[in-house]
Structures are given as structure tokens and as C-alpha cells.
C-alpha atoms as a PDB file:
ATOM      1  CA  MET A   1      -0.104   0.074   0.152  1.00  0.00           C
ATOM      2  CA  SER A   2       1.266   3.390  -0.956  1.00  0.00           C
ATOM      3  CA  GLU A   3       1.920   5.839   1.840  1.00  0.00           C
ATOM      4  CA  THR A   4       0.931   8.735  -0.675  1.00  0.00           C
ATOM      5  CA  LEU A   5      -2.855   7.742  -0.312  1.00  0.00           C
ATOM      6  CA  GLN A   6      -4.542   6.834   2.927  1.00  0.00           C
ATOM      7  CA  ILE A   7      -7.659   4.390   2.457  1.00  0.00           C
ATOM      8  CA  SER A   8      -9.854   3.870   5.212  1.00  0.00           C
ATOM      9  CA  ARG A   9     -13.496   2.390   5.236  1.00  0.00           C
ATOM     10  CA  CYS A  10     -16.373   3.185   7.341  1.00  0.00           C
ATOM     11  CA  GLY A  11     -19.554   1.167   6.533  1.00  0.00           C
ATOM     12  CA  ARG A  12     -20.239   1.636   2.936  1.00  0.00           C
ATOM     13  CA  VAL A  13     -18.267   4.537   2.474  1.00  0.00           C
ATOM     14  CA  LEU A  14     -14.623   4.195   1.373  1.00  0.00           C
ATOM     15  CA  GLU A  15     -12.324   7.273   2.120  1.00  0.00           C
ATOM     16  CA  LEU A  16      -9.466   8.243   0.121  1.00  0.00           C
ATOM     17  CA  ALA A  17      -7.003  10.745   1.246  1.00  0.00           C
ATOM     18  CA  LEU A  18      -4.357  12.459  -0.936  1.00  0.00           C
ATOM     19  CA  ASN A  19      -1.347  12.149   1.441  1.00  0.00           C
ATOM     20  CA  ARG A  20       1.400  14.152   0.388  1.00  0.00           C
ATOM     21  CA  PRO A  21       1.118  17.259   2.530  1.00  0.00           C
ATOM     22  CA  ASP A  22       4.433  18.558   2.415  1.00  0.00           C
ATOM     23  CA  ARG A  23       4.072  18.536  -1.426  1.00  0.00           C
ATOM     24  CA  ARG A  24       0.390  20.147  -1.064  1.00  0.00           C
ATOM     25  CA  ASN A  25      -0.647  16.795  -2.247  1.00  0.00           C
ATOM     26  CA  ALA A  26       0.835  17.171  -5.875  1.00  0.00           C
ATOM     27  CA  LEU A  27       0.401  14.237  -8.086  1.00  0.00           C
ATOM     28  CA  ASN A  28       3.403  12.285  -8.667  1.00  0.00           C
ATOM     29  CA  MET A  29       3.299   8.821 -10.407  1.00  0.00           C
ATOM     30  CA  GLU A  30       3.133   6.790  -7.291  1.00  0.00           C
ATOM     31  CA  LEU A  31       0.012   8.742  -6.151  1.00  0.00           C
ATOM     32  CA  CYS A  32      -1.736   8.721  -9.409  1.00  0.00           C
ATOM     33  CA  LEU A  33      -0.946   4.826  -9.351  1.00  0.00           C
ATOM     34  CA  ALA A  34      -2.529   4.456  -6.141  1.00  0.00           C
ATOM     35  CA  LEU A  35      -5.426   6.561  -6.694  1.00  0.00           C
ATOM     36  CA  GLY A  36      -6.193   4.918 -10.134  1.00  0.00           C
ATOM     37  CA  SER A  37      -6.021   1.674  -8.533  1.00  0.00           C
ATOM     38  CA  ALA A  38      -8.002   2.425  -5.226  1.00  0.00           C
ATOM     39  CA  LEU A  39     -10.967   3.890  -7.368  1.00  0.00           C
ATOM     40  CA  GLU A  40     -11.116   1.058  -9.722  1.00  0.00           C
ATOM     41  CA  LYS A  41     -11.083  -1.497  -6.815  1.00  0.00           C
ATOM     42  CA  ALA A  42     -13.784   0.273  -5.183  1.00  0.00           C
ATOM     43  CA  ASP A  43     -16.053   0.514  -8.295  1.00  0.00           C
ATOM     44  CA  GLY A  44     -15.730  -3.322  -8.256  1.00  0.00           C
ATOM     45  CA  ASP A  45     -16.455  -3.845  -4.688  1.00  0.00           C
ATOM     46  CA  PRO A  46     -20.223  -4.480  -3.832  1.00  0.00           C
ATOM     47  CA  GLY A  47     -19.665  -3.214  -0.471  1.00  0.00           C
ATOM     48  CA  VAL A  48     -18.651   0.295  -1.168  1.00  0.00           C
ATOM     49  CA  GLY A  49     -21.746   2.346  -1.610  1.00  0.00           C
ATOM     50  CA  ALA A  50     -19.943   5.715  -1.980  1.00  0.00           C
ATOM     51  CA  ILE A  51     -16.211   7.031  -2.392  1.00  0.00           C
ATOM     52  CA  LEU A  52     -15.088  10.143  -0.413  1.00  0.00           C
ATOM     53  CA  LEU A  53     -11.938  11.940  -1.795  1.00  0.00           C
ATOM     54  CA  TYR A  54     -10.091  14.626   0.330  1.00  0.00           C
ATOM     55  CA  GLY A  55      -6.556  15.894   0.955  1.00  0.00           C
ATOM     56  CA  ASN A  56      -4.430  16.014   4.006  1.00  0.00           C
ATOM     57  CA  GLY A  57      -2.553  18.807   5.127  1.00  0.00           C
ATOM     58  CA  LYS A  58      -3.276  22.608   4.061  1.00  0.00           C
ATOM     59  CA  ALA A  59      -4.212  21.948   0.199  1.00  0.00           C
ATOM     60  CA  PHE A  60      -6.676  19.487  -1.499  1.00  0.00           C
ATOM     61  CA  CYS A  61      -4.235  19.171  -4.382  1.00  0.00           C
ATOM     62  CA  ALA A  62      -1.762  21.315  -6.271  1.00  0.00           C
ATOM     63  CA  GLY A  63      -1.821  19.624  -9.532  1.00  0.00           C
ATOM     64  CA  MET A  64       0.900  17.289 -11.036  1.00  0.00           C
ATOM     65  CA  ASP A  65       4.223  17.182  -9.429  1.00  0.00           C
ATOM     66  CA  LEU A  66       6.631  19.385 -11.454  1.00  0.00           C
ATOM     67  CA  HIS A  67       9.676  18.106  -9.961  1.00  0.00           C
ATOM     68  CA  GLU A  68       9.006  14.670 -11.564  1.00  0.00           C
ATOM     69  CA  VAL A  69       7.162  15.403 -14.590  1.00  0.00           C
ATOM     70  CA  LEU A  70      10.479  15.968 -16.597  1.00  0.00           C
ATOM     71  CA  SER A  71      12.124  13.263 -15.254  1.00  0.00           C
ATOM     72  CA  PRO A  72      13.173  10.030 -17.447  1.00  0.00           C
ATOM     73  CA  ALA A  73      10.674   8.083 -15.276  1.00  0.00           C
ATOM     74  CA  ALA A  74       7.658  10.118 -16.080  1.00  0.00           C
ATOM     75  CA  GLY A  75       7.189   8.204 -19.388  1.00  0.00           C
ATOM     76  CA  GLN A  76       3.954   6.753 -17.746  1.00  0.00           C
ATOM     77  CA  VAL A  77       2.348  10.170 -16.783  1.00  0.00           C
ATOM     78  CA  ASN A  78       0.041  10.582 -19.671  1.00  0.00           C
ATOM     79  CA  GLU A  79      -1.316   7.270 -19.309  1.00  0.00           C
ATOM     80  CA  LEU A  80      -1.663   7.528 -15.301  1.00  0.00           C
ATOM     81  CA  HIS A  81      -3.256  11.048 -15.788  1.00  0.00           C
ATOM     82  CA  GLU A  82      -5.826   9.866 -18.301  1.00  0.00           C
ATOM     83  CA  ARG A  83      -6.611   6.921 -15.885  1.00  0.00           C
ATOM     84  CA  ILE A  84      -7.357   9.198 -12.900  1.00  0.00           C
ATOM     85  CA  PHE A  85      -8.898  12.458 -14.608  1.00  0.00           C
ATOM     86  CA  THR A  86     -11.473  10.164 -16.563  1.00  0.00           C
ATOM     87  CA  ALA A  87     -12.286   7.951 -13.658  1.00  0.00           C
ATOM     88  CA  GLY A  88     -15.750  10.107 -12.844  1.00  0.00           C
ATOM     89  CA  ILE A  89     -17.379   9.168 -16.140  1.00  0.00           C
ATOM     90  CA  ARG A  90     -16.491   5.549 -15.965  1.00  0.00           C
ATOM     91  CA  LEU A  91     -17.202   4.841 -12.188  1.00  0.00           C
ATOM     92  CA  THR A  92     -20.501   3.443 -11.187  1.00  0.00           C
ATOM     93  CA  LYS A  93     -19.883   4.441  -7.566  1.00  0.00           C
ATOM     94  CA  PRO A  94     -20.629   8.120  -6.511  1.00  0.00           C
ATOM     95  CA  LEU A  95     -17.424  10.015  -5.965  1.00  0.00           C
ATOM     96  CA  ILE A  96     -17.753  12.847  -3.474  1.00  0.00           C
ATOM     97  CA  ALA A  97     -15.057  15.452  -3.069  1.00  0.00           C
ATOM     98  CA  ALA A  98     -14.206  17.517   0.113  1.00  0.00           C
ATOM     99  CA  VAL A  99     -12.054  20.399  -0.941  1.00  0.00           C
ATOM    100  CA  HIS A 100      -9.952  22.831   0.981  1.00  0.00           C
ATOM    101  CA  GLY A 101      -7.220  25.049   0.113  1.00  0.00           C
ATOM    102  CA  PRO A 102      -5.637  25.197  -3.137  1.00  0.00           C
ATOM    103  CA  ALA A 103      -7.085  22.678  -5.680  1.00  0.00           C
ATOM    104  CA  LEU A 104      -5.205  23.942  -8.782  1.00  0.00           C
ATOM    105  CA  ALA A 105      -4.429  22.625 -12.278  1.00  0.00           C
ATOM    106  CA  GLY A 106      -4.948  18.912 -11.899  1.00  0.00           C
ATOM    107  CA  GLY A 107      -6.618  19.672  -8.550  1.00  0.00           C
ATOM    108  CA  THR A 108      -9.233  21.411 -10.360  1.00  0.00           C
ATOM    109  CA  GLY A 109      -9.373  18.453 -12.652  1.00  0.00           C
ATOM    110  CA  LEU A 110      -9.895  15.911  -9.937  1.00  0.00           C
ATOM    111  CA  ALA A 111     -12.828  18.079  -8.313  1.00  0.00           C
ATOM    112  CA  ALA A 112     -14.321  18.202 -11.630  1.00  0.00           C
ATOM    113  CA  ASN A 113     -14.177  14.627 -11.992  1.00  0.00           C
ATOM    114  CA  CYS A 114     -16.427  13.988  -8.729  1.00  0.00           C
ATOM    115  CA  HIS A 115     -20.047  13.734  -8.886  1.00  0.00           C
ATOM    116  CA  ILE A 116     -20.727  16.047  -5.879  1.00  0.00           C
ATOM    117  CA  VAL A 117     -18.160  18.727  -4.465  1.00  0.00           C
ATOM    118  CA  LEU A 118     -18.381  20.270  -1.284  1.00  0.00           C
ATOM    119  CA  ALA A 119     -15.814  23.055  -0.920  1.00  0.00           C
ATOM    120  CA  ALA A 120     -14.614  24.775   2.145  1.00  0.00           C
ATOM    121  CA  GLU A 121     -14.893  28.973   2.278  1.00  0.00           C
ATOM    122  CA  ASP A 122     -11.095  28.999   1.756  1.00  0.00           C
ATOM    123  CA  ALA A 123     -10.815  26.511  -1.334  1.00  0.00           C
ATOM    124  CA  THR A 124      -9.395  28.152  -4.227  1.00  0.00           C
ATOM    125  CA  PHE A 125      -9.284  26.629  -8.052  1.00  0.00           C
ATOM    126  CA  GLY A 126      -7.732  27.548 -11.182  1.00  0.00           C
ATOM    127  CA  LEU A 127      -6.380  26.022 -14.462  1.00  0.00           C
ATOM    128  CA  THR A 128      -3.108  27.378 -13.970  1.00  0.00           C
ATOM    129  CA  GLU A 129      -0.985  25.275 -16.562  1.00  0.00           C
ATOM    130  CA  ILE A 130      -0.814  28.178 -18.879  1.00  0.00           C
ATOM    131  CA  ARG A 131       1.621  29.855 -16.474  1.00  0.00           C
ATOM    132  CA  ILE A 132       4.134  27.359 -17.146  1.00  0.00           C
ATOM    133  CA  GLY A 133       3.800  27.192 -20.735  1.00  0.00           C
ATOM    134  CA  LEU A 134       1.319  24.353 -20.928  1.00  0.00           C
ATOM    135  CA  TRP A 135      -2.279  23.705 -21.582  1.00  0.00           C
ATOM    136  CA  PRO A 136      -4.724  21.624 -19.483  1.00  0.00           C
ATOM    137  CA  PHE A 137      -5.038  19.080 -22.273  1.00  0.00           C
ATOM    138  CA  VAL A 138      -5.834  15.738 -20.347  1.00  0.00           C
ATOM    139  CA  ILE A 139      -8.381  17.526 -18.002  1.00  0.00           C
ATOM    140  CA  PHE A 140      -9.798  19.939 -20.159  1.00  0.00           C
ATOM    141  CA  ARG A 141     -12.635  17.434 -21.409  1.00  0.00           C
ATOM    142  CA  THR A 142     -13.820  16.903 -17.703  1.00  0.00           C
ATOM    143  CA  ILE A 143     -13.806  20.823 -17.094  1.00  0.00           C
ATOM    144  CA  VAL A 144     -15.787  21.286 -20.336  1.00  0.00           C
ATOM    145  CA  ALA A 145     -18.395  18.672 -19.047  1.00  0.00           C
ATOM    146  CA  ALA A 146     -18.667  20.482 -15.651  1.00  0.00           C
ATOM    147  CA  LEU A 147     -18.384  24.184 -16.631  1.00  0.00           C
ATOM    148  CA  GLY A 148     -19.217  24.532 -20.426  1.00  0.00           C
ATOM    149  CA  GLU A 149     -16.496  24.951 -23.070  1.00  0.00           C
ATOM    150  CA  ARG A 150     -16.497  28.839 -23.126  1.00  0.00           C
ATOM    151  CA  ARG A 151     -15.767  29.140 -19.331  1.00  0.00           C
ATOM    152  CA  ALA A 152     -13.366  26.310 -19.441  1.00  0.00           C
ATOM    153  CA  THR A 153     -11.707  27.936 -22.287  1.00  0.00           C
ATOM    154  CA  GLU A 154     -11.487  31.427 -20.551  1.00  0.00           C
ATOM    155  CA  LEU A 155     -10.108  29.844 -17.392  1.00  0.00           C
ATOM    156  CA  ALA A 156      -7.456  28.002 -19.405  1.00  0.00           C
ATOM    157  CA  LEU A 157      -6.330  31.146 -21.152  1.00  0.00           C
ATOM    158  CA  THR A 158      -6.091  33.338 -18.236  1.00  0.00           C
ATOM    159  CA  GLY A 159      -4.745  30.954 -15.528  1.00  0.00           C
ATOM    160  CA  ARG A 160      -6.723  32.878 -12.851  1.00  0.00           C
ATOM    161  CA  ILE A 161      -7.212  31.493  -9.507  1.00  0.00           C
ATOM    162  CA  PHE A 162     -10.802  31.766  -8.400  1.00  0.00           C
ATOM    163  CA  GLY A 163     -12.574  30.941  -4.913  1.00  0.00           C
ATOM    164  CA  ALA A 164     -15.217  28.590  -3.688  1.00  0.00           C
ATOM    165  CA  ALA A 165     -18.189  31.012  -4.128  1.00  0.00           C
ATOM    166  CA  GLU A 166     -17.131  31.529  -7.785  1.00  0.00           C
ATOM    167  CA  ALA A 167     -16.733  27.968  -8.275  1.00  0.00           C
ATOM    168  CA  ARG A 168     -20.271  27.307  -7.172  1.00  0.00           C
ATOM    169  CA  GLU A 169     -21.455  29.970  -9.597  1.00  0.00           C
ATOM    170  CA  TYR A 170     -19.973  28.005 -12.330  1.00  0.00           C
ATOM    171  CA  GLY A 171     -21.101  24.579 -11.194  1.00  0.00           C
ATOM    172  CA  LEU A 172     -17.826  23.167 -10.278  1.00  0.00           C
ATOM    173  CA  VAL A 173     -18.836  23.343  -6.644  1.00  0.00           C
ATOM    174  CA  HIS A 174     -22.378  22.139  -5.343  1.00  0.00           C
ATOM    175  CA  HIS A 175     -21.961  23.349  -1.585  1.00  0.00           C
ATOM    176  CA  VAL A 176     -19.956  26.011   0.131  1.00  0.00           C
ATOM    177  CA  VAL A 177     -19.437  25.233   3.970  1.00  0.00           C
ATOM    178  CA  GLU A 178     -17.211  26.385   6.869  1.00  0.00           C
ATOM    179  CA  PRO A 179     -13.842  24.767   6.873  1.00  0.00           C
ATOM    180  CA  ALA A 180     -14.332  23.116  10.179  1.00  0.00           C
ATOM    181  CA  ALA A 181     -17.605  21.461   8.941  1.00  0.00           C
ATOM    182  CA  LEU A 182     -16.052  20.170   5.420  1.00  0.00           C
ATOM    183  CA  VAL A 183     -15.143  16.638   6.082  1.00  0.00           C
ATOM    184  CA  GLU A 184     -17.866  15.785   8.419  1.00  0.00           C
ATOM    185  CA  GLY A 185     -20.456  17.396   6.057  1.00  0.00           C
ATOM    186  CA  ALA A 186     -19.086  15.301   3.145  1.00  0.00           C
ATOM    187  CA  ARG A 187     -19.193  12.137   5.157  1.00  0.00           C
ATOM    188  CA  GLU A 188     -22.686  12.768   6.129  1.00  0.00           C
ATOM    189  CA  MET A 189     -23.489  13.076   2.532  1.00  0.00           C
ATOM    190  CA  ALA A 190     -21.570  10.096   1.394  1.00  0.00           C
ATOM    191  CA  ASN A 191     -23.318   7.833   4.060  1.00  0.00           C
ATOM    192  CA  SER A 192     -26.621   9.084   2.801  1.00  0.00           C
ATOM    193  CA  ILE A 193     -26.023   8.380  -0.860  1.00  0.00           C
ATOM    194  CA  ALA A 194     -24.492   5.213   0.140  1.00  0.00           C
ATOM    195  CA  ALA A 195     -27.678   4.019   1.876  1.00  0.00           C
ATOM    196  CA  ALA A 196     -29.660   4.419  -1.385  1.00  0.00           C
ATOM    197  CA  SER A 197     -30.400   1.641  -4.009  1.00  0.00           C
ATOM    198  CA  PRO A 198     -27.074   0.413  -5.464  1.00  0.00           C
ATOM    199  CA  THR A 199     -29.284  -0.786  -8.400  1.00  0.00           C
ATOM    200  CA  ALA A 200     -30.406   2.723  -9.038  1.00  0.00           C
ATOM    201  CA  ILE A 201     -27.096   4.441  -8.646  1.00  0.00           C
ATOM    202  CA  HIS A 202     -25.380   1.945 -10.644  1.00  0.00           C
ATOM    203  CA  ALA A 203     -27.965   2.243 -13.560  1.00  0.00           C
ATOM    204  CA  GLY A 204     -28.213   6.139 -13.323  1.00  0.00           C
ATOM    205  CA  LEU A 205     -24.361   6.746 -13.331  1.00  0.00           C
ATOM    206  CA  ALA A 206     -24.401   4.331 -16.313  1.00  0.00           C
ATOM    207  CA  PHE A 207     -26.883   6.121 -18.311  1.00  0.00           C
ATOM    208  CA  VAL A 208     -25.112   9.587 -17.710  1.00  0.00           C
ATOM    209  CA  ARG A 209     -21.981   8.079 -19.227  1.00  0.00           C
ATOM    210  CA  ASP A 210     -23.800   6.367 -21.876  1.00  0.00           C
ATOM    211  CA  ALA A 211     -26.120   8.943 -22.981  1.00  0.00           C
ATOM    212  CA  ARG A 212     -23.042  11.496 -23.402  1.00  0.00           C
ATOM    213  CA  GLY A 213     -22.833  12.411 -27.165  1.00  0.00           C
ATOM    214  CA  LYS A 214     -25.919  10.588 -28.242  1.00  0.00           C
ATOM    215  CA  SER A 215     -28.707  12.258 -30.060  1.00  0.00           C
ATOM    216  CA  TRP A 216     -31.909  13.274 -28.302  1.00  0.00           C
ATOM    217  CA  GLU A 217     -33.536  10.194 -29.870  1.00  0.00           C
ATOM    218  CA  GLU A 218     -30.840   7.718 -29.118  1.00  0.00           C
ATOM    219  CA  ALA A 219     -30.636   9.058 -25.232  1.00  0.00           C
ATOM    220  CA  GLY A 220     -34.373   8.632 -25.072  1.00  0.00           C
ATOM    221  CA  ASP A 221     -34.126   5.114 -26.420  1.00  0.00           C
ATOM    222  CA  LEU A 222     -31.481   4.227 -23.918  1.00  0.00           C
ATOM    223  CA  ALA A 223     -33.337   5.856 -21.044  1.00  0.00           C
ATOM    224  CA  ARG A 224     -36.634   3.824 -21.844  1.00  0.00           C
ATOM    225  CA  ARG A 225     -34.538   0.637 -21.814  1.00  0.00           C
ATOM    226  CA  MET A 226     -32.608   1.241 -18.751  1.00  0.00           C
ATOM    227  CA  ARG A 227     -35.722   2.336 -16.886  1.00  0.00           C
ATOM    228  CA  ASN A 228     -37.713  -0.750 -17.829  1.00  0.00           C
ATOM    229  CA  GLU A 229     -34.568  -3.008 -16.621  1.00  0.00           C
ATOM    230  CA  VAL A 230     -34.763  -0.907 -13.225  1.00  0.00           C
ATOM    231  CA  PHE A 231     -38.470  -1.250 -13.002  1.00  0.00           C
ATOM    232  CA  HIS A 232     -37.881  -5.218 -13.043  1.00  0.00           C
ATOM    233  CA  SER A 233     -35.125  -5.019 -10.214  1.00  0.00           C
ATOM    234  CA  ALA A 234     -35.787  -6.270  -6.830  1.00  0.00           C
ATOM    235  CA  ASP A 235     -34.664  -2.956  -5.511  1.00  0.00           C
ATOM    236  CA  PHE A 236     -37.318  -1.123  -7.232  1.00  0.00           C
ATOM    237  CA  GLN A 237     -40.014  -3.436  -6.185  1.00  0.00           C
ATOM    238  CA  GLU A 238     -38.716  -3.040  -2.451  1.00  0.00           C
ATOM    239  CA  GLY A 239     -38.713   0.598  -2.770  1.00  0.00           C
ATOM    240  CA  ILE A 240     -42.525   0.464  -3.895  1.00  0.00           C
ATOM    241  CA  ARG A 241     -43.322  -1.612  -0.744  1.00  0.00           C
ATOM    242  CA  ALA A 242     -41.399   0.583   1.613  1.00  0.00           C
ATOM    243  CA  PHE A 243     -43.058   3.675   0.295  1.00  0.00           C
ATOM    244  CA  GLN A 244     -46.697   2.119   0.574  1.00  0.00           C
ATOM    245  CA  GLU A 245     -45.997   0.693   4.180  1.00  0.00           C
ATOM    246  CA  LYS A 246     -44.298   3.972   5.214  1.00  0.00           C
ATOM    247  CA  ARG A 247     -40.923   2.603   6.237  1.00  0.00           C
ATOM    248  CA  LYS A 248     -37.222   2.536   5.184  1.00  0.00           C
ATOM    249  CA  PRO A 249     -36.367   0.203   2.291  1.00  0.00           C
ATOM    250  CA  THR A 250     -34.187  -2.774   2.815  1.00  0.00           C
ATOM    251  CA  TRP A 251     -32.532  -3.130  -0.397  1.00  0.00           C
ATOM    252  CA  PRO A 252     -32.322  -6.656  -1.661  1.00  0.00           C
ATOM    253  CA  SER A 253     -28.925  -6.372  -3.213  1.00  0.00           C
ATOM    254  CA  TYR A 254     -25.802  -4.400  -2.363  1.00  0.00           C
ATOM    255  CA  ALA A 255     -24.062  -6.027  -5.383  1.00  0.00           C
ATOM    256  CA  ILE A 256     -23.228  -4.219  -8.463  1.00  0.00           C
ATOM    257  CA  GLN A 257     -26.127  -5.213 -11.038  1.00  0.00           C
ATOM    258  CA  ASP A 258     -25.450  -5.802 -14.593  1.00  0.00           C
ATOM    259  CA  ILE A 259     -27.779  -2.968 -15.909  1.00  0.00           C
ATOM    260  CA  GLY A 260     -26.977  -0.901 -18.790  1.00  0.00           C
ATOM    261  CA  GLY A 261     -24.209  -3.402 -20.199  1.00  0.00           C
ATOM    262  CA  ASN A 262     -21.710  -2.601 -17.503  1.00  0.00           C
ATOM    263  CA  ARG A 263     -18.928  -4.637 -16.377  1.00  0.00           C
ATOM    264  CA  LYS A 264     -19.452  -6.442 -12.815  1.00  0.00           C
END
């Protein structure tokens, strides 16, 4: 297990803490490999209902490790970055970020990857790659999906740093909270989501992924097919019974369902 990523489990929530505080959690190859592996393992674990991502120390993530990127050993960096910066669209488990302090360049990319983002009032974001003669190539698709192409282009061209309130205005952040309440608030949200139907979540996130880029008619056909599959699931039947009986549902299956043609 890599020391650059702390992994812990509480009930159905898996917590991943970036753990290079002396480097502001900059993404070196070891951390990228550990994070990519942990996300993929969690996605295939039926006991995990949600994933919580945050950073140890004073920063969420300062982007890629510039001390390493030009070294001869950096040949895998493009593959590793593609793996972690496209994880959000591939995951069938909700990924929740708790962001504090700087989340710059790749740190902004990690946040944009997450399905839900809580940010402390002191959080800062920015596509700062232009300042070192680079463009945020690998994370740009994810940023566009979160913010839209014009806003993403403006941020990439200017390299300006912006705060949590502005990030919420753009749609990068969903909730802004006091720093002291950040991680516990994110844990509460992760636990609440992890208690929902795994069948519905798995199918829903698969639909979000598979509908992207399709025509209106194709997306509608996909929606009807996937809804019919969920209609016939044991979880949906239990959900209806629980609603009628005015009780909390007990989902029959916490296993990943083969809904929408996804891998098990």
C-alpha cells in the first residue's frame, strides 16, 4: 500500500485521502497509480456504496508534481493522468470530493471528476497550466463537461485563480461550507448516498455516461430501456413496498447489478 494515499473504510463509504502534505498533495506517479487503483477496486466492490476524496494538510491538490514530470521516469505520466482524470465518467459508484485550500490545475481536474463537490470557504481553484507554458489537455474534457466550453477556455487562457463562491456559481462546486464542517459534512452526504439503492445508482451513473454524445432520440431510447430494466429489479420492487408501508427500504442487493451493459 502506498503511503501517498490513505485508504479507510467506514460502513459503505470508502475514504481516500491524498497524503503528500509536504508537497501540497501534488500528483506524482506513485500517488496517481495508487489513486487510480483504489478507485477501480472500489468500483468493483459491492460493499462500497460511495467514495469520499479529500486531501491531508493545507491543500486539496496542487496539480501534477513538477519535480517529477520532466524526469526520465515520467514516461507513464500521460497514461496515469488519463486514468485518474477520466475516472468520474467511468465509475458506477458516487465519487464525492471535500475540497479545502488550493485545488489548482490537476486539483481542479480531480474536483471536476467528482459527482458531488463540497468546498470549504477557503478553497481556491484554477487552470494554472498556462503559467508554465502548458495547456490543461488531459483534464480539459472533464472541465468542459462540468463548466461548459467557453468558461473552461477562459479559465485555461487566463490561468486565473478563483474562490469557492465563484466555483459554485460556475457549477464546479455544489456546496460551500465552513472549513471546520467540511469533512464531516462530506461524510454525512456520502453515508446518505451510500444508503440508497445500488441498482438505481449504478444504472443512473451508467446512463449519464452512455447518454453523453448521443442524439436526443438515441438518449431517449437508452433511457426507456434502462428504466424498464430497473422497473423489474428487486430494489425497485422493495422501494415501492417500503413507500406504501411507510418504512425505510431494505435493499435486496448491495451487489453491482448488470444494468446498462456495465462490467460486474
